[in-house]
């Protein structure tokens, strides 16, 4: 019997969950109180932005060239912001008081 783990697939090779390089970006203001959430990254490519709650459910999603998004529908809590931009991917934590 052979178990498949997160580190290897059924053929024994390593799985690659993240193709491409890590995207380093900054979010502000954090904690976020509404209005504009600024996203600063070194790339000028289009940003695919997803905000997920702690259960992994997508609560906001957009694609933009802008360096900010407007999301006033976030309840208090901790969120994960996932950004894909120009073949790079990044994650950051966002706090909404």
PDB file of N, CA and C in Angstrom:
ATOM      1  N   UNK A   1       0.839  -1.169   0.000  1.00  0.00           N
ATOM      2  CA  UNK A   1       0.000   0.000   0.000  1.00  0.00           C
ATOM      3  C   UNK A   1       0.882   1.229   0.000  1.00  0.00           C
ATOM      4  N   UNK A   2       0.539   2.189  -0.832  1.00  0.00           N
ATOM      5  CA  UNK A   2       1.341   3.405  -0.965  1.00  0.00           C
ATOM      6  C   UNK A   2       0.453   4.612  -0.699  1.00  0.00           C
ATOM      7  N   UNK A   3       0.870   5.462   0.221  1.00  0.00           N
ATOM      8  CA  UNK A   3       0.120   6.665   0.543  1.00  0.00           C
ATOM      9  C   UNK A   3       0.711   7.848  -0.204  1.00  0.00           C
ATOM     10  N   UNK A   4      -0.152   8.722  -0.665  1.00  0.00           N
ATOM     11  CA  UNK A   4       0.278   9.942  -1.328  1.00  0.00           C
ATOM     12  C   UNK A   4       0.271  11.055  -0.294  1.00  0.00           C
ATOM     13  N   UNK A   5       1.393  11.702  -0.127  1.00  0.00           N
ATOM     14  CA  UNK A   5       1.501  12.787   0.834  1.00  0.00           C
ATOM     15  C   UNK A   5       1.559  14.121   0.101  1.00  0.00           C
ATOM     16  N   UNK A   6       1.591  15.175   0.849  1.00  0.00           N
ATOM     17  CA  UNK A   6       1.686  16.501   0.248  1.00  0.00           C
ATOM     18  C   UNK A   6       3.050  16.730  -0.381  1.00  0.00           C
ATOM     19  N   UNK A   7       4.019  15.903  -0.041  1.00  0.00           N
ATOM     20  CA  UNK A   7       5.367  16.099  -0.548  1.00  0.00           C
ATOM     21  C   UNK A   7       5.681  15.285  -1.792  1.00  0.00           C
ATOM     22  N   UNK A   8       4.917  14.255  -2.061  1.00  0.00           N
ATOM     23  CA  UNK A   8       5.212  13.471  -3.240  1.00  0.00           C
ATOM     24  C   UNK A   8       3.924  12.949  -3.856  1.00  0.00           C
ATOM     25  N   UNK A   9       3.978  12.704  -5.163  1.00  0.00           N
ATOM     26  CA  UNK A   9       2.800  12.179  -5.822  1.00  0.00           C
ATOM     27  C   UNK A   9       2.910  10.663  -5.933  1.00  0.00           C
ATOM     28  N   UNK A  10       1.952  10.015  -6.578  1.00  0.00           N
ATOM     29  CA  UNK A  10       1.918   8.554  -6.646  1.00  0.00           C
ATOM     30  C   UNK A  10       3.122   7.976  -7.368  1.00  0.00           C
ATOM     31  N   UNK A  11       3.766   8.746  -8.226  1.00  0.00           N
ATOM     32  CA  UNK A  11       4.954   8.267  -8.938  1.00  0.00           C
ATOM     33  C   UNK A  11       6.229   8.507  -8.155  1.00  0.00           C
ATOM     34  N   UNK A  12       6.118   9.070  -6.975  1.00  0.00           N
ATOM     35  CA  UNK A  12       7.281   9.302  -6.131  1.00  0.00           C
ATOM     36  C   UNK A  12       7.937  10.646  -6.363  1.00  0.00           C
ATOM     37  N   UNK A  13       7.460  11.412  -7.322  1.00  0.00           N
ATOM     38  CA  UNK A  13       8.045  12.716  -7.601  1.00  0.00           C
ATOM     39  C   UNK A  13       7.456  13.787  -6.715  1.00  0.00           C
ATOM     40  N   UNK A  14       8.166  14.854  -6.584  1.00  0.00           N
ATOM     41  CA  UNK A  14       7.692  15.961  -5.748  1.00  0.00           C
ATOM     42  C   UNK A  14       6.598  16.735  -6.460  1.00  0.00           C
ATOM     43  N   UNK A  15       5.629  17.168  -5.698  1.00  0.00           N
ATOM     44  CA  UNK A  15       4.572  18.006  -6.242  1.00  0.00           C
ATOM     45  C   UNK A  15       5.025  19.457  -6.203  1.00  0.00           C
ATOM     46  N   UNK A  16       4.649  20.210  -7.205  1.00  0.00           N
ATOM     47  CA  UNK A  16       4.973  21.625  -7.232  1.00  0.00           C
ATOM     48  C   UNK A  16       3.680  22.417  -7.195  1.00  0.00           C
ATOM     49  N   UNK A  17       3.288  22.881  -6.017  1.00  0.00           N
ATOM     50  CA  UNK A  17       2.049  23.631  -5.882  1.00  0.00           C
ATOM     51  C   UNK A  17       2.206  25.061  -6.369  1.00  0.00           C
ATOM     52  N   UNK A  18       3.405  25.613  -6.328  1.00  0.00           N
ATOM     53  CA  UNK A  18       3.622  26.992  -6.712  1.00  0.00           C
ATOM     54  C   UNK A  18       4.563  27.051  -7.897  1.00  0.00           C
ATOM     55  N   UNK A  19       3.991  27.248  -9.080  1.00  0.00           N
ATOM     56  CA  UNK A  19       4.835  27.444 -10.245  1.00  0.00           C
ATOM     57  C   UNK A  19       5.155  28.928 -10.309  1.00  0.00           C
ATOM     58  N   UNK A  20       6.369  29.247 -10.607  1.00  0.00           N
ATOM     59  CA  UNK A  20       6.779  30.643 -10.655  1.00  0.00           C
ATOM     60  C   UNK A  20       7.406  31.090  -9.351  1.00  0.00           C
ATOM     61  N   UNK A  21       7.739  32.356  -9.322  1.00  0.00           N
ATOM     62  CA  UNK A  21       8.418  32.922  -8.169  1.00  0.00           C
ATOM     63  C   UNK A  21       7.423  33.507  -7.173  1.00  0.00           C
ATOM     64  N   UNK A  22       7.929  33.757  -5.975  1.00  0.00           N
ATOM     65  CA  UNK A  22       7.097  34.372  -4.937  1.00  0.00           C
ATOM     66  C   UNK A  22       6.981  35.864  -5.206  1.00  0.00           C
ATOM     67  N   UNK A  23       5.763  36.373  -5.110  1.00  0.00           N
ATOM     68  CA  UNK A  23       5.510  37.796  -5.278  1.00  0.00           C
ATOM     69  C   UNK A  23       5.578  38.476  -3.921  1.00  0.00           C
ATOM     70  N   UNK A  24       6.465  39.429  -3.785  1.00  0.00           N
ATOM     71  CA  UNK A  24       6.538  40.223  -2.562  1.00  0.00           C
ATOM     72  C   UNK A  24       5.722  41.486  -2.776  1.00  0.00           C
ATOM     73  N   UNK A  25       4.743  41.698  -1.920  1.00  0.00           N
ATOM     74  CA  UNK A  25       3.891  42.870  -2.023  1.00  0.00           C
ATOM     75  C   UNK A  25       3.538  43.356  -0.623  1.00  0.00           C
ATOM     76  N   UNK A  26       3.044  44.600  -0.559  1.00  0.00           N
ATOM     77  CA  UNK A  26       2.644  45.194   0.711  1.00  0.00           C
ATOM     78  C   UNK A  26       1.177  45.597   0.645  1.00  0.00           C
ATOM     79  N   UNK A  27       0.483  45.413   1.757  1.00  0.00           N
ATOM     80  CA  UNK A  27      -0.903  45.844   1.907  1.00  0.00           C
ATOM     81  C   UNK A  27      -0.951  46.942   2.957  1.00  0.00           C
ATOM     82  N   UNK A  28      -1.705  47.993   2.677  1.00  0.00           N
ATOM     83  CA  UNK A  28      -1.959  48.991   3.711  1.00  0.00           C
ATOM     84  C   UNK A  28      -3.251  49.700   3.417  1.00  0.00           C
ATOM     85  N   UNK A  29      -3.990  50.180   4.370  1.00  0.00           N
ATOM     86  CA  UNK A  29      -3.723  50.037   5.806  1.00  0.00           C
ATOM     87  C   UNK A  29      -4.050  48.618   6.277  1.00  0.00           C
ATOM     88  N   UNK A  30      -3.294  48.168   7.221  1.00  0.00           N
ATOM     89  CA  UNK A  30      -3.523  46.855   7.820  1.00  0.00           C
ATOM     90  C   UNK A  30      -3.250  46.996   9.308  1.00  0.00           C
ATOM     91  N   UNK A  31      -4.276  47.068  10.132  1.00  0.00           N
ATOM     92  CA  UNK A  31      -5.658  46.657   9.964  1.00  0.00           C
ATOM     93  C   UNK A  31      -6.422  47.568   9.008  1.00  0.00           C
ATOM     94  N   UNK A  32      -7.334  46.942   8.259  1.00  0.00           N
ATOM     95  CA  UNK A  32      -8.125  47.593   7.226  1.00  0.00           C
ATOM     96  C   UNK A  32      -9.479  47.984   7.802  1.00  0.00           C
ATOM     97  N   UNK A  33      -9.847  49.267   7.665  1.00  0.00           N
ATOM     98  CA  UNK A  33     -11.108  49.742   8.237  1.00  0.00           C
ATOM     99  C   UNK A  33     -12.116  50.151   7.173  1.00  0.00           C
ATOM    100  N   UNK A  34     -11.865  49.810   5.920  1.00  0.00           N
ATOM    101  CA  UNK A  34     -12.781  50.155   4.841  1.00  0.00           C
ATOM    102  C   UNK A  34     -12.156  51.166   3.908  1.00  0.00           C
ATOM    103  N   UNK A  35     -12.828  51.413   2.798  1.00  0.00           N
ATOM    104  CA  UNK A  35     -12.295  52.343   1.802  1.00  0.00           C
ATOM    105  C   UNK A  35     -11.347  51.629   0.863  1.00  0.00           C
ATOM    106  N   UNK A  36     -10.196  52.251   0.595  1.00  0.00           N
ATOM    107  CA  UNK A  36      -9.222  51.679  -0.334  1.00  0.00           C
ATOM    108  C   UNK A  36      -8.218  50.805   0.394  1.00  0.00           C
ATOM    109  N   UNK A  37      -7.998  49.605  -0.127  1.00  0.00           N
ATOM    110  CA  UNK A  37      -6.926  48.727   0.339  1.00  0.00           C
ATOM    111  C   UNK A  37      -5.820  48.824  -0.705  1.00  0.00           C
ATOM    112  N   UNK A  38      -4.702  49.427  -0.327  1.00  0.00           N
ATOM    113  CA  UNK A  38      -3.588  49.636  -1.250  1.00  0.00           C
ATOM    114  C   UNK A  38      -2.725  48.380  -1.321  1.00  0.00           C
ATOM    115  N   UNK A  39      -2.328  48.044  -2.545  1.00  0.00           N
ATOM    116  CA  UNK A  39      -1.502  46.866  -2.807  1.00  0.00           C
ATOM    117  C   UNK A  39      -0.302  47.340  -3.609  1.00  0.00           C
ATOM    118  N   UNK A  40       0.876  47.280  -3.014  1.00  0.00           N
ATOM    119  CA  UNK A  40       2.089  47.757  -3.650  1.00  0.00           C
ATOM    120  C   UNK A  40       2.961  46.557  -3.992  1.00  0.00           C
ATOM    121  N   UNK A  41       3.265  46.412  -5.296  1.00  0.00           N
ATOM    122  CA  UNK A  41       4.143  45.340  -5.745  1.00  0.00           C
ATOM    123  C   UNK A  41       5.089  45.894  -6.796  1.00  0.00           C
ATOM    124  N   UNK A  42       6.246  45.244  -6.980  1.00  0.00           N
ATOM    125  CA  UNK A  42       7.221  45.760  -7.941  1.00  0.00           C
ATOM    126  C   UNK A  42       6.802  45.572  -9.401  1.00  0.00           C
ATOM    127  N   UNK A  43       5.877  44.686  -9.666  1.00  0.00           N
ATOM    128  CA  UNK A  43       5.459  44.382 -11.039  1.00  0.00           C
ATOM    129  C   UNK A  43       4.362  45.340 -11.500  1.00  0.00           C
ATOM    130  N   UNK A  44       4.317  45.596 -12.809  1.00  0.00           N
ATOM    131  CA  UNK A  44       3.264  46.438 -13.374  1.00  0.00           C
ATOM    132  C   UNK A  44       2.226  45.601 -14.119  1.00  0.00           C
ATOM    133  N   UNK A  45       2.332  44.283 -14.069  1.00  0.00           N
ATOM    134  CA  UNK A  45       1.372  43.398 -14.722  1.00  0.00           C
ATOM    135  C   UNK A  45       0.021  43.454 -14.022  1.00  0.00           C
ATOM    136  N   UNK A  46      -0.994  42.922 -14.668  1.00  0.00           N
ATOM    137  CA  UNK A  46      -2.335  42.875 -14.105  1.00  0.00           C
ATOM    138  C   UNK A  46      -2.339  42.017 -12.834  1.00  0.00           C
ATOM    139  N   UNK A  47      -3.103  42.461 -11.838  1.00  0.00           N
ATOM    140  CA  UNK A  47      -3.182  41.747 -10.560  1.00  0.00           C
ATOM    141  C   UNK A  47      -4.484  40.953 -10.495  1.00  0.00           C
ATOM    142  N   UNK A  48      -4.392  39.672 -10.198  1.00  0.00           N
ATOM    143  CA  UNK A  48      -5.551  38.845  -9.880  1.00  0.00           C
ATOM    144  C   UNK A  48      -5.588  38.737  -8.369  1.00  0.00           C
ATOM    145  N   UNK A  49      -6.601  39.345  -7.745  1.00  0.00           N
ATOM    146  CA  UNK A  49      -6.659  39.472  -6.291  1.00  0.00           C
ATOM    147  C   UNK A  49      -7.834  38.670  -5.755  1.00  0.00           C
ATOM    148  N   UNK A  50      -7.557  37.843  -4.738  1.00  0.00           N
ATOM    149  CA  UNK A  50      -8.611  37.119  -4.028  1.00  0.00           C
ATOM    150  C   UNK A  50      -8.430  37.362  -2.545  1.00  0.00           C
ATOM    151  N   UNK A  51      -9.536  37.616  -1.854  1.00  0.00           N
ATOM    152  CA  UNK A  51      -9.515  37.719  -0.394  1.00  0.00           C
ATOM    153  C   UNK A  51     -10.354  36.573   0.133  1.00  0.00           C
ATOM    154  N   UNK A  52      -9.731  35.755   1.003  1.00  0.00           N
ATOM    155  CA  UNK A  52     -10.389  34.576   1.547  1.00  0.00           C
ATOM    156  C   UNK A  52     -10.559  34.722   3.048  1.00  0.00           C
ATOM    157  N   UNK A  53     -11.664  34.192   3.577  1.00  0.00           N
ATOM    158  CA  UNK A  53     -11.844  34.179   5.026  1.00  0.00           C
ATOM    159  C   UNK A  53     -11.058  33.008   5.612  1.00  0.00           C
ATOM    160  N   UNK A  54     -11.112  32.824   6.924  1.00  0.00           N
ATOM    161  CA  UNK A  54     -10.297  31.779   7.553  1.00  0.00           C
ATOM    162  C   UNK A  54     -10.783  30.371   7.222  1.00  0.00           C
ATOM    163  N   UNK A  55     -11.984  30.260   6.641  1.00  0.00           N
ATOM    164  CA  UNK A  55     -12.497  28.957   6.202  1.00  0.00           C
ATOM    165  C   UNK A  55     -12.070  28.641   4.773  1.00  0.00           C
ATOM    166  N   UNK A  56     -11.369  29.579   4.128  1.00  0.00           N
ATOM    167  CA  UNK A  56     -10.922  29.374   2.758  1.00  0.00           C
ATOM    168  C   UNK A  56     -11.943  29.759   1.710  1.00  0.00           C
ATOM    169  N   UNK A  57     -13.015  30.421   2.127  1.00  0.00           N
ATOM    170  CA  UNK A  57     -14.053  30.850   1.195  1.00  0.00           C
ATOM    171  C   UNK A  57     -13.688  32.205   0.596  1.00  0.00           C
ATOM    172  N   UNK A  58     -13.846  32.343  -0.709  1.00  0.00           N
ATOM    173  CA  UNK A  58     -13.552  33.601  -1.385  1.00  0.00           C
ATOM    174  C   UNK A  58     -14.657  34.605  -1.049  1.00  0.00           C
ATOM    175  N   UNK A  59     -14.267  35.731  -0.444  1.00  0.00           N
ATOM    176  CA  UNK A  59     -15.231  36.766  -0.085  1.00  0.00           C
ATOM    177  C   UNK A  59     -15.106  37.992  -0.984  1.00  0.00           C
ATOM    178  N   UNK A  60     -14.016  38.088  -1.739  1.00  0.00           N
ATOM    179  CA  UNK A  60     -13.810  39.186  -2.670  1.00  0.00           C
ATOM    180  C   UNK A  60     -12.831  38.726  -3.731  1.00  0.00           C
ATOM    181  N   UNK A  61     -13.112  39.077  -4.983  1.00  0.00           N
ATOM    182  CA  UNK A  61     -12.219  38.695  -6.071  1.00  0.00           C
ATOM    183  C   UNK A  61     -12.303  39.740  -7.174  1.00  0.00           C
ATOM    184  N   UNK A  62     -11.149  40.127  -7.720  1.00  0.00           N
ATOM    185  CA  UNK A  62     -11.113  41.087  -8.810  1.00  0.00           C
ATOM    186  C   UNK A  62      -9.813  40.954  -9.585  1.00  0.00           C
ATOM    187  N   UNK A  63      -9.801  41.555 -10.749  1.00  0.00           N
ATOM    188  CA  UNK A  63      -8.611  41.660 -11.582  1.00  0.00           C
ATOM    189  C   UNK A  63      -8.447  43.126 -11.931  1.00  0.00           C
ATOM    190  N   UNK A  64      -7.245  43.677 -11.713  1.00  0.00           N
ATOM    191  CA  UNK A  64      -7.055  45.115 -11.913  1.00  0.00           C
ATOM    192  C   UNK A  64      -5.590  45.448 -12.207  1.00  0.00           C
ATOM    193  N   UNK A  65      -5.386  46.570 -12.864  1.00  0.00           N
ATOM    194  CA  UNK A  65      -4.050  47.151 -13.030  1.00  0.00           C
ATOM    195  C   UNK A  65      -3.769  48.178 -11.934  1.00  0.00           C
ATOM    196  N   UNK A  66      -4.805  48.582 -11.208  1.00  0.00           N
ATOM    197  CA  UNK A  66      -4.666  49.608 -10.172  1.00  0.00           C
ATOM    198  C   UNK A  66      -3.859  49.081  -8.987  1.00  0.00           C
ATOM    199  N   UNK A  67      -3.359  50.001  -8.173  1.00  0.00           N
ATOM    200  CA  UNK A  67      -2.608  49.645  -6.963  1.00  0.00           C
ATOM    201  C   UNK A  67      -3.485  49.676  -5.728  1.00  0.00           C
ATOM    202  N   UNK A  68      -4.795  49.550  -5.913  1.00  0.00           N
ATOM    203  CA  UNK A  68      -5.725  49.517  -4.788  1.00  0.00           C
ATOM    204  C   UNK A  68      -7.007  48.816  -5.213  1.00  0.00           C
ATOM    205  N   UNK A  69      -7.750  48.348  -4.221  1.00  0.00           N
ATOM    206  CA  UNK A  69      -9.098  47.829  -4.427  1.00  0.00           C
ATOM    207  C   UNK A  69      -9.988  48.470  -3.379  1.00  0.00           C
ATOM    208  N   UNK A  70     -11.280  48.515  -3.666  1.00  0.00           N
ATOM    209  CA  UNK A  70     -12.245  49.048  -2.708  1.00  0.00           C
ATOM    210  C   UNK A  70     -13.164  47.901  -2.311  1.00  0.00           C
ATOM    211  N   UNK A  71     -13.109  47.537  -1.042  1.00  0.00           N
ATOM    212  CA  UNK A  71     -13.951  46.465  -0.527  1.00  0.00           C
ATOM    213  C   UNK A  71     -14.466  46.870   0.840  1.00  0.00           C
ATOM    214  N   UNK A  72     -15.702  47.295   0.885  1.00  0.00           N
ATOM    215  CA  UNK A  72     -16.303  47.726   2.149  1.00  0.00           C
ATOM    216  C   UNK A  72     -17.179  46.648   2.768  1.00  0.00           C
ATOM    217  N   UNK A  73     -17.200  45.449   2.175  1.00  0.00           N
ATOM    218  CA  UNK A  73     -18.093  44.408   2.669  1.00  0.00           C
ATOM    219  C   UNK A  73     -17.384  43.359   3.523  1.00  0.00           C
ATOM    220  N   UNK A  74     -16.222  43.671   4.046  1.00  0.00           N
ATOM    221  CA  UNK A  74     -15.503  42.708   4.882  1.00  0.00           C
ATOM    222  C   UNK A  74     -15.918  42.876   6.342  1.00  0.00           C
ATOM    223  N   UNK A  75     -16.360  41.788   6.951  1.00  0.00           N
ATOM    224  CA  UNK A  75     -16.697  41.786   8.375  1.00  0.00           C
ATOM    225  C   UNK A  75     -15.426  41.707   9.201  1.00  0.00           C
ATOM    226  N   UNK A  76     -15.525  41.972  10.475  1.00  0.00           N
ATOM    227  CA  UNK A  76     -14.365  41.857  11.361  1.00  0.00           C
ATOM    228  C   UNK A  76     -13.813  40.446  11.311  1.00  0.00           C
ATOM    229  N   UNK A  77     -12.498  40.345  11.265  1.00  0.00           N
ATOM    230  CA  UNK A  77     -11.859  39.034  11.241  1.00  0.00           C
ATOM    231  C   UNK A  77     -10.498  39.084  10.589  1.00  0.00           C
ATOM    232  N   UNK A  78      -9.942  37.905  10.366  1.00  0.00           N
ATOM    233  CA  UNK A  78      -8.643  37.756   9.725  1.00  0.00           C
ATOM    234  C   UNK A  78      -8.856  37.111   8.370  1.00  0.00           C
ATOM    235  N   UNK A  79      -8.216  37.680   7.350  1.00  0.00           N
ATOM    236  CA  UNK A  79      -8.366  37.226   5.978  1.00  0.00           C
ATOM    237  C   UNK A  79      -6.993  36.926   5.372  1.00  0.00           C
ATOM    238  N   UNK A  80      -7.003  36.155   4.308  1.00  0.00           N
ATOM    239  CA  UNK A  80      -5.808  35.884   3.526  1.00  0.00           C
ATOM    240  C   UNK A  80      -5.994  36.557   2.176  1.00  0.00           C
ATOM    241  N   UNK A  81      -5.011  37.352   1.766  1.00  0.00           N
ATOM    242  CA  UNK A  81      -5.047  38.004   0.465  1.00  0.00           C
ATOM    243  C   UNK A  81      -4.079  37.252  -0.440  1.00  0.00           C
ATOM    244  N   UNK A  82      -4.605  36.704  -1.545  1.00  0.00           N
ATOM    245  CA  UNK A  82      -3.810  35.980  -2.529  1.00  0.00           C
ATOM    246  C   UNK A  82      -3.738  36.830  -3.786  1.00  0.00           C
ATOM    247  N   UNK A  83      -2.515  37.029  -4.275  1.00  0.00           N
ATOM    248  CA  UNK A  83      -2.327  37.817  -5.493  1.00  0.00           C
ATOM    249  C   UNK A  83      -1.489  37.021  -6.471  1.00  0.00           C
ATOM    250  N   UNK A  84      -1.944  36.980  -7.713  1.00  0.00           N
ATOM    251  CA  UNK A  84      -1.176  36.420  -8.821  1.00  0.00           C
ATOM    252  C   UNK A  84      -0.896  37.576  -9.769  1.00  0.00           C
ATOM    253  N   UNK A  85       0.377  37.729 -10.121  1.00  0.00           N
ATOM    254  CA  UNK A  85       0.753  38.850 -10.979  1.00  0.00           C
ATOM    255  C   UNK A  85       1.992  38.480 -11.781  1.00  0.00           C
ATOM    256  N   UNK A  86       1.865  38.462 -13.084  1.00  0.00           N
ATOM    257  CA  UNK A  86       3.011  38.232 -13.965  1.00  0.00           C
ATOM    258  C   UNK A  86       3.743  36.931 -13.700  1.00  0.00           C
ATOM    259  N   UNK A  87       3.046  35.830 -13.467  1.00  0.00           N
ATOM    260  CA  UNK A  87       3.688  34.547 -13.208  1.00  0.00           C
ATOM    261  C   UNK A  87       4.165  34.373 -11.777  1.00  0.00           C
ATOM    262  N   UNK A  88       3.937  35.353 -10.934  1.00  0.00           N
ATOM    263  CA  UNK A  88       4.314  35.282  -9.527  1.00  0.00           C
ATOM    264  C   UNK A  88       3.066  35.195  -8.676  1.00  0.00           C
ATOM    265  N   UNK A  89       3.205  34.577  -7.486  1.00  0.00           N
ATOM    266  CA  UNK A  89       2.097  34.438  -6.549  1.00  0.00           C
ATOM    267  C   UNK A  89       2.555  34.858  -5.162  1.00  0.00           C
ATOM    268  N   UNK A  90       1.644  35.446  -4.406  1.00  0.00           N
ATOM    269  CA  UNK A  90       1.975  35.845  -3.053  1.00  0.00           C
ATOM    270  C   UNK A  90       0.765  35.793  -2.142  1.00  0.00           C
ATOM    271  N   UNK A  91       1.039  35.668  -0.854  1.00  0.00           N
ATOM    272  CA  UNK A  91       0.008  35.619   0.181  1.00  0.00           C
ATOM    273  C   UNK A  91       0.342  36.625   1.264  1.00  0.00           C
ATOM    274  N   UNK A  92      -0.704  37.192   1.861  1.00  0.00           N
ATOM    275  CA  UNK A  92      -0.512  38.075   3.003  1.00  0.00           C
ATOM    276  C   UNK A  92      -1.741  38.002   3.895  1.00  0.00           C
ATOM    277  N   UNK A  93      -1.559  38.299   5.153  1.00  0.00           N
ATOM    278  CA  UNK A  93      -2.666  38.313   6.105  1.00  0.00           C
ATOM    279  C   UNK A  93      -3.228  39.721   6.187  1.00  0.00           C
ATOM    280  N   UNK A  94      -4.546  39.808   6.279  1.00  0.00           N
ATOM    281  CA  UNK A  94      -5.229  41.084   6.414  1.00  0.00           C
ATOM    282  C   UNK A  94      -6.142  41.028   7.615  1.00  0.00           C
ATOM    283  N   UNK A  95      -6.039  42.027   8.488  1.00  0.00           N
ATOM    284  CA  UNK A  95      -6.869  42.102   9.693  1.00  0.00           C
ATOM    285  C   UNK A  95      -7.914  43.181   9.504  1.00  0.00           C
ATOM    286  N   UNK A  96      -9.166  42.847   9.803  1.00  0.00           N
ATOM    287  CA  UNK A  96     -10.264  43.810   9.780  1.00  0.00           C
ATOM    288  C   UNK A  96     -10.831  43.868  11.204  1.00  0.00           C
ATOM    289  N   UNK A  97     -10.621  45.001  11.920  1.00  0.00           N
ATOM    290  CA  UNK A  97     -11.083  45.093  13.312  1.00  0.00           C
ATOM    291  C   UNK A  97     -12.593  45.199  13.432  1.00  0.00           C
TER     292      UNK A  97
END
